[in-house]
Amino acid sequence: MENKMIRKYIIVVSSLLIIGCSDPVKVSPDKLPDAYLNQPYQTNIEITGGAVVELSFYSEVSDASFKIMPSIAEGGYKDNNMLTVTGTPTTLEPIYINIAGSTYGTNFPGKDFEKEYTIEVKDAQ
């Protein structure tokens, strides 16, 4: 009986160590800069802690004039770890952005991420 308890303890501790050793997925920055009415806007979003799976990546923007584009990595493939947000706001309404996806797993399972942003639009005066 004591052998089974020790074995369970070792399994639980090992699992916690493995999970605790993998890097967390981080979406940066925490807040996007303000935009100005009728002026071109561009900023970057970076996802670290694992390579983003292209098929799992999802983005949505509340303003149709704004786009989220992946960078193009060496070899011509899309790199969803470095995103560029571009557009020109035509109203003073805030712009809402939602991105989500998963990272590839290697020695550790892949991880899901989700981040919501609000870009405040100010009058250019």
C-alpha atoms as a PDB file:
ATOM      1  CA  MET A   1       0.000   0.000   0.000  1.00  0.00           C
ATOM      2  CA  GLU A   2       2.826   2.395   0.900  1.00  0.00           C
ATOM      3  CA  ASN A   3       4.510   1.678  -2.457  1.00  0.00           C
ATOM      4  CA  LYS A   4       1.383   2.780  -4.344  1.00  0.00           C
ATOM      5  CA  MET A   5       1.205   6.032  -2.358  1.00  0.00           C
ATOM      6  CA  ILE A   6       4.857   6.811  -3.082  1.00  0.00           C
ATOM      7  CA  ARG A   7       4.349   6.074  -6.770  1.00  0.00           C
ATOM      8  CA  LYS A   8       1.282   8.382  -6.918  1.00  0.00           C
ATOM      9  CA  TYR A   9       3.234  11.113  -5.134  1.00  0.00           C
ATOM     10  CA  ILE A  10       6.111  10.831  -7.609  1.00  0.00           C
ATOM     11  CA  ILE A  11       3.720  10.980 -10.585  1.00  0.00           C
ATOM     12  CA  VAL A  12       1.942  14.070  -9.232  1.00  0.00           C
ATOM     13  CA  VAL A  13       5.182  15.907  -8.411  1.00  0.00           C
ATOM     14  CA  SER A  14       6.718  15.002 -11.789  1.00  0.00           C
ATOM     15  CA  SER A  15       3.620  16.236 -13.617  1.00  0.00           C
ATOM     16  CA  LEU A  16       3.676  19.540 -11.766  1.00  0.00           C
ATOM     17  CA  LEU A  17       7.364  20.024 -12.530  1.00  0.00           C
ATOM     18  CA  ILE A  18       6.854  19.323 -16.237  1.00  0.00           C
ATOM     19  CA  ILE A  19       3.896  21.705 -16.487  1.00  0.00           C
ATOM     20  CA  GLY A  20       5.680  24.363 -14.445  1.00  0.00           C
ATOM     21  CA  CYS A  21       8.802  24.259 -16.635  1.00  0.00           C
ATOM     22  CA  SER A  22       7.117  25.184 -19.910  1.00  0.00           C
ATOM     23  CA  ASP A  23       7.075  28.836 -20.932  1.00  0.00           C
ATOM     24  CA  PRO A  24       3.715  30.602 -20.673  1.00  0.00           C
ATOM     25  CA  VAL A  25       2.263  32.158 -23.819  1.00  0.00           C
ATOM     26  CA  LYS A  26       2.460  35.942 -23.632  1.00  0.00           C
ATOM     27  CA  VAL A  27       0.695  38.395 -25.922  1.00  0.00           C
ATOM     28  CA  SER A  28       2.349  41.837 -25.912  1.00  0.00           C
ATOM     29  CA  PRO A  29       1.844  44.693 -25.431  1.00  0.00           C
ATOM     30  CA  ASP A  30      -0.786  44.754 -22.703  1.00  0.00           C
ATOM     31  CA  LYS A  31      -2.468  47.823 -24.268  1.00  0.00           C
ATOM     32  CA  LEU A  32      -2.383  49.160 -27.825  1.00  0.00           C
ATOM     33  CA  PRO A  33      -1.694  52.859 -28.504  1.00  0.00           C
ATOM     34  CA  ASP A  34      -4.553  55.259 -29.234  1.00  0.00           C
ATOM     35  CA  ALA A  35      -5.545  55.986 -32.829  1.00  0.00           C
ATOM     36  CA  TYR A  36      -6.428  59.371 -34.309  1.00  0.00           C
ATOM     37  CA  LEU A  37      -9.435  60.079 -36.503  1.00  0.00           C
ATOM     38  CA  ASN A  38      -8.701  59.839 -40.263  1.00  0.00           C
ATOM     39  CA  GLN A  39      -4.978  59.193 -39.676  1.00  0.00           C
ATOM     40  CA  PRO A  40      -3.219  55.937 -40.647  1.00  0.00           C
ATOM     41  CA  TYR A  41      -2.607  53.633 -37.697  1.00  0.00           C
ATOM     42  CA  GLN A  42      -0.014  50.881 -37.375  1.00  0.00           C
ATOM     43  CA  THR A  43       1.265  48.898 -34.406  1.00  0.00           C
ATOM     44  CA  ASN A  44       2.612  45.422 -33.665  1.00  0.00           C
ATOM     45  CA  ILE A  45       1.469  42.563 -31.461  1.00  0.00           C
ATOM     46  CA  GLU A  46       3.948  39.857 -30.490  1.00  0.00           C
ATOM     47  CA  ILE A  47       3.097  36.368 -29.236  1.00  0.00           C
ATOM     48  CA  THR A  48       5.895  34.574 -27.351  1.00  0.00           C
ATOM     49  CA  GLY A  49       6.157  31.257 -25.536  1.00  0.00           C
ATOM     50  CA  GLY A  50       5.682  28.965 -28.546  1.00  0.00           C
ATOM     51  CA  ALA A  51       5.122  28.944 -32.300  1.00  0.00           C
ATOM     52  CA  VAL A  52       1.515  29.809 -33.189  1.00  0.00           C
ATOM     53  CA  VAL A  53      -0.333  27.122 -35.162  1.00  0.00           C
ATOM     54  CA  GLU A  54      -1.591  28.864 -38.309  1.00  0.00           C
ATOM     55  CA  LEU A  55      -4.775  26.770 -38.548  1.00  0.00           C
ATOM     56  CA  SER A  56      -5.730  27.606 -34.951  1.00  0.00           C
ATOM     57  CA  PHE A  57      -5.131  31.359 -35.255  1.00  0.00           C
ATOM     58  CA  TYR A  58      -8.238  33.559 -35.137  1.00  0.00           C
ATOM     59  CA  SER A  59      -8.582  37.334 -35.223  1.00  0.00           C
ATOM     60  CA  GLU A  60     -11.542  39.674 -35.305  1.00  0.00           C
ATOM     61  CA  VAL A  61     -11.631  43.470 -35.581  1.00  0.00           C
ATOM     62  CA  SER A  62     -14.756  45.588 -35.025  1.00  0.00           C
ATOM     63  CA  ASP A  63     -13.791  48.162 -37.701  1.00  0.00           C
ATOM     64  CA  ALA A  64     -13.701  46.831 -41.280  1.00  0.00           C
ATOM     65  CA  SER A  65     -11.003  49.338 -42.260  1.00  0.00           C
ATOM     66  CA  PHE A  66      -8.569  47.669 -39.816  1.00  0.00           C
ATOM     67  CA  LYS A  67      -6.613  44.513 -40.610  1.00  0.00           C
ATOM     68  CA  ILE A  68      -4.389  42.156 -38.629  1.00  0.00           C
ATOM     69  CA  MET A  69      -1.618  40.735 -40.780  1.00  0.00           C
ATOM     70  CA  PRO A  70       1.041  38.171 -39.885  1.00  0.00           C
ATOM     71  CA  SER A  71       4.637  38.965 -40.714  1.00  0.00           C
ATOM     72  CA  ILE A  72       6.258  37.028 -43.523  1.00  0.00           C
ATOM     73  CA  ALA A  73       9.124  34.890 -42.275  1.00  0.00           C
ATOM     74  CA  GLU A  74      12.167  33.753 -44.168  1.00  0.00           C
ATOM     75  CA  GLY A  75      11.001  31.264 -46.770  1.00  0.00           C
ATOM     76  CA  GLY A  76       7.779  33.196 -47.402  1.00  0.00           C
ATOM     77  CA  TYR A  77       5.503  31.544 -44.844  1.00  0.00           C
ATOM     78  CA  LYS A  78       3.187  33.438 -42.480  1.00  0.00           C
ATOM     79  CA  ASP A  79       4.509  34.073 -38.993  1.00  0.00           C
ATOM     80  CA  ASN A  80       1.540  34.528 -36.660  1.00  0.00           C
ATOM     81  CA  ASN A  81       3.868  35.261 -33.718  1.00  0.00           C
ATOM     82  CA  MET A  82       4.457  38.802 -35.010  1.00  0.00           C
ATOM     83  CA  LEU A  83       1.300  40.597 -36.104  1.00  0.00           C
ATOM     84  CA  THR A  84       0.798  44.063 -37.549  1.00  0.00           C
ATOM     85  CA  VAL A  85      -2.411  46.000 -36.933  1.00  0.00           C
ATOM     86  CA  THR A  86      -3.144  48.619 -39.610  1.00  0.00           C
ATOM     87  CA  GLY A  87      -6.046  50.827 -40.569  1.00  0.00           C
ATOM     88  CA  THR A  88      -7.462  54.323 -40.636  1.00  0.00           C
ATOM     89  CA  PRO A  89     -10.268  55.092 -38.182  1.00  0.00           C
ATOM     90  CA  THR A  90     -13.154  57.052 -39.733  1.00  0.00           C
ATOM     91  CA  THR A  91     -15.297  57.433 -36.587  1.00  0.00           C
ATOM     92  CA  LEU A  92     -14.585  58.166 -32.922  1.00  0.00           C
ATOM     93  CA  GLU A  93     -15.935  54.713 -31.964  1.00  0.00           C
ATOM     94  CA  PRO A  94     -13.430  52.509 -30.096  1.00  0.00           C
ATOM     95  CA  ILE A  95     -11.973  49.648 -32.128  1.00  0.00           C
ATOM     96  CA  TYR A  96     -12.165  46.198 -30.558  1.00  0.00           C
ATOM     97  CA  ILE A  97      -9.668  43.484 -31.436  1.00  0.00           C
ATOM     98  CA  ASN A  98      -9.781  39.845 -30.376  1.00  0.00           C
ATOM     99  CA  ILE A  99      -7.034  37.338 -31.171  1.00  0.00           C
ATOM    100  CA  ALA A 100      -6.882  33.691 -30.151  1.00  0.00           C
ATOM    101  CA  GLY A 101      -5.097  30.488 -31.054  1.00  0.00           C
ATOM    102  CA  SER A 102      -2.778  27.732 -29.916  1.00  0.00           C
ATOM    103  CA  THR A 103       0.930  27.066 -29.960  1.00  0.00           C
ATOM    104  CA  TYR A 104       2.602  23.895 -31.199  1.00  0.00           C
ATOM    105  CA  GLY A 105       3.579  21.345 -28.603  1.00  0.00           C
ATOM    106  CA  THR A 106       7.077  19.857 -28.556  1.00  0.00           C
ATOM    107  CA  ASN A 107       8.305  18.349 -25.296  1.00  0.00           C
ATOM    108  CA  PHE A 108       5.287  19.992 -23.668  1.00  0.00           C
ATOM    109  CA  PRO A 109       1.695  20.287 -24.889  1.00  0.00           C
ATOM    110  CA  GLY A 110       0.787  23.371 -26.922  1.00  0.00           C
ATOM    111  CA  LYS A 111      -1.015  26.158 -25.115  1.00  0.00           C
ATOM    112  CA  ASP A 112      -4.098  28.185 -25.943  1.00  0.00           C
ATOM    113  CA  PHE A 113      -4.129  31.958 -25.780  1.00  0.00           C
ATOM    114  CA  GLU A 114      -6.675  34.726 -26.153  1.00  0.00           C
ATOM    115  CA  LYS A 115      -6.290  38.485 -25.888  1.00  0.00           C
ATOM    116  CA  GLU A 116      -8.734  41.352 -26.296  1.00  0.00           C
ATOM    117  CA  TYR A 117      -7.707  44.918 -27.055  1.00  0.00           C
ATOM    118  CA  THR A 118      -9.555  48.217 -27.249  1.00  0.00           C
ATOM    119  CA  ILE A 119      -8.045  50.985 -29.339  1.00  0.00           C
ATOM    120  CA  GLU A 120      -9.371  54.368 -28.314  1.00  0.00           C
ATOM    121  CA  VAL A 121      -9.925  56.737 -31.236  1.00  0.00           C
ATOM    122  CA  LYS A 122      -9.258  60.428 -30.545  1.00  0.00           C
ATOM    123  CA  ASP A 123     -10.056  63.534 -32.524  1.00  0.00           C
ATOM    124  CA  ALA A 124      -6.946  64.642 -34.462  1.00  0.00           C
ATOM    125  CA  GLN A 125      -7.741  68.392 -34.039  1.00  0.00           C
END
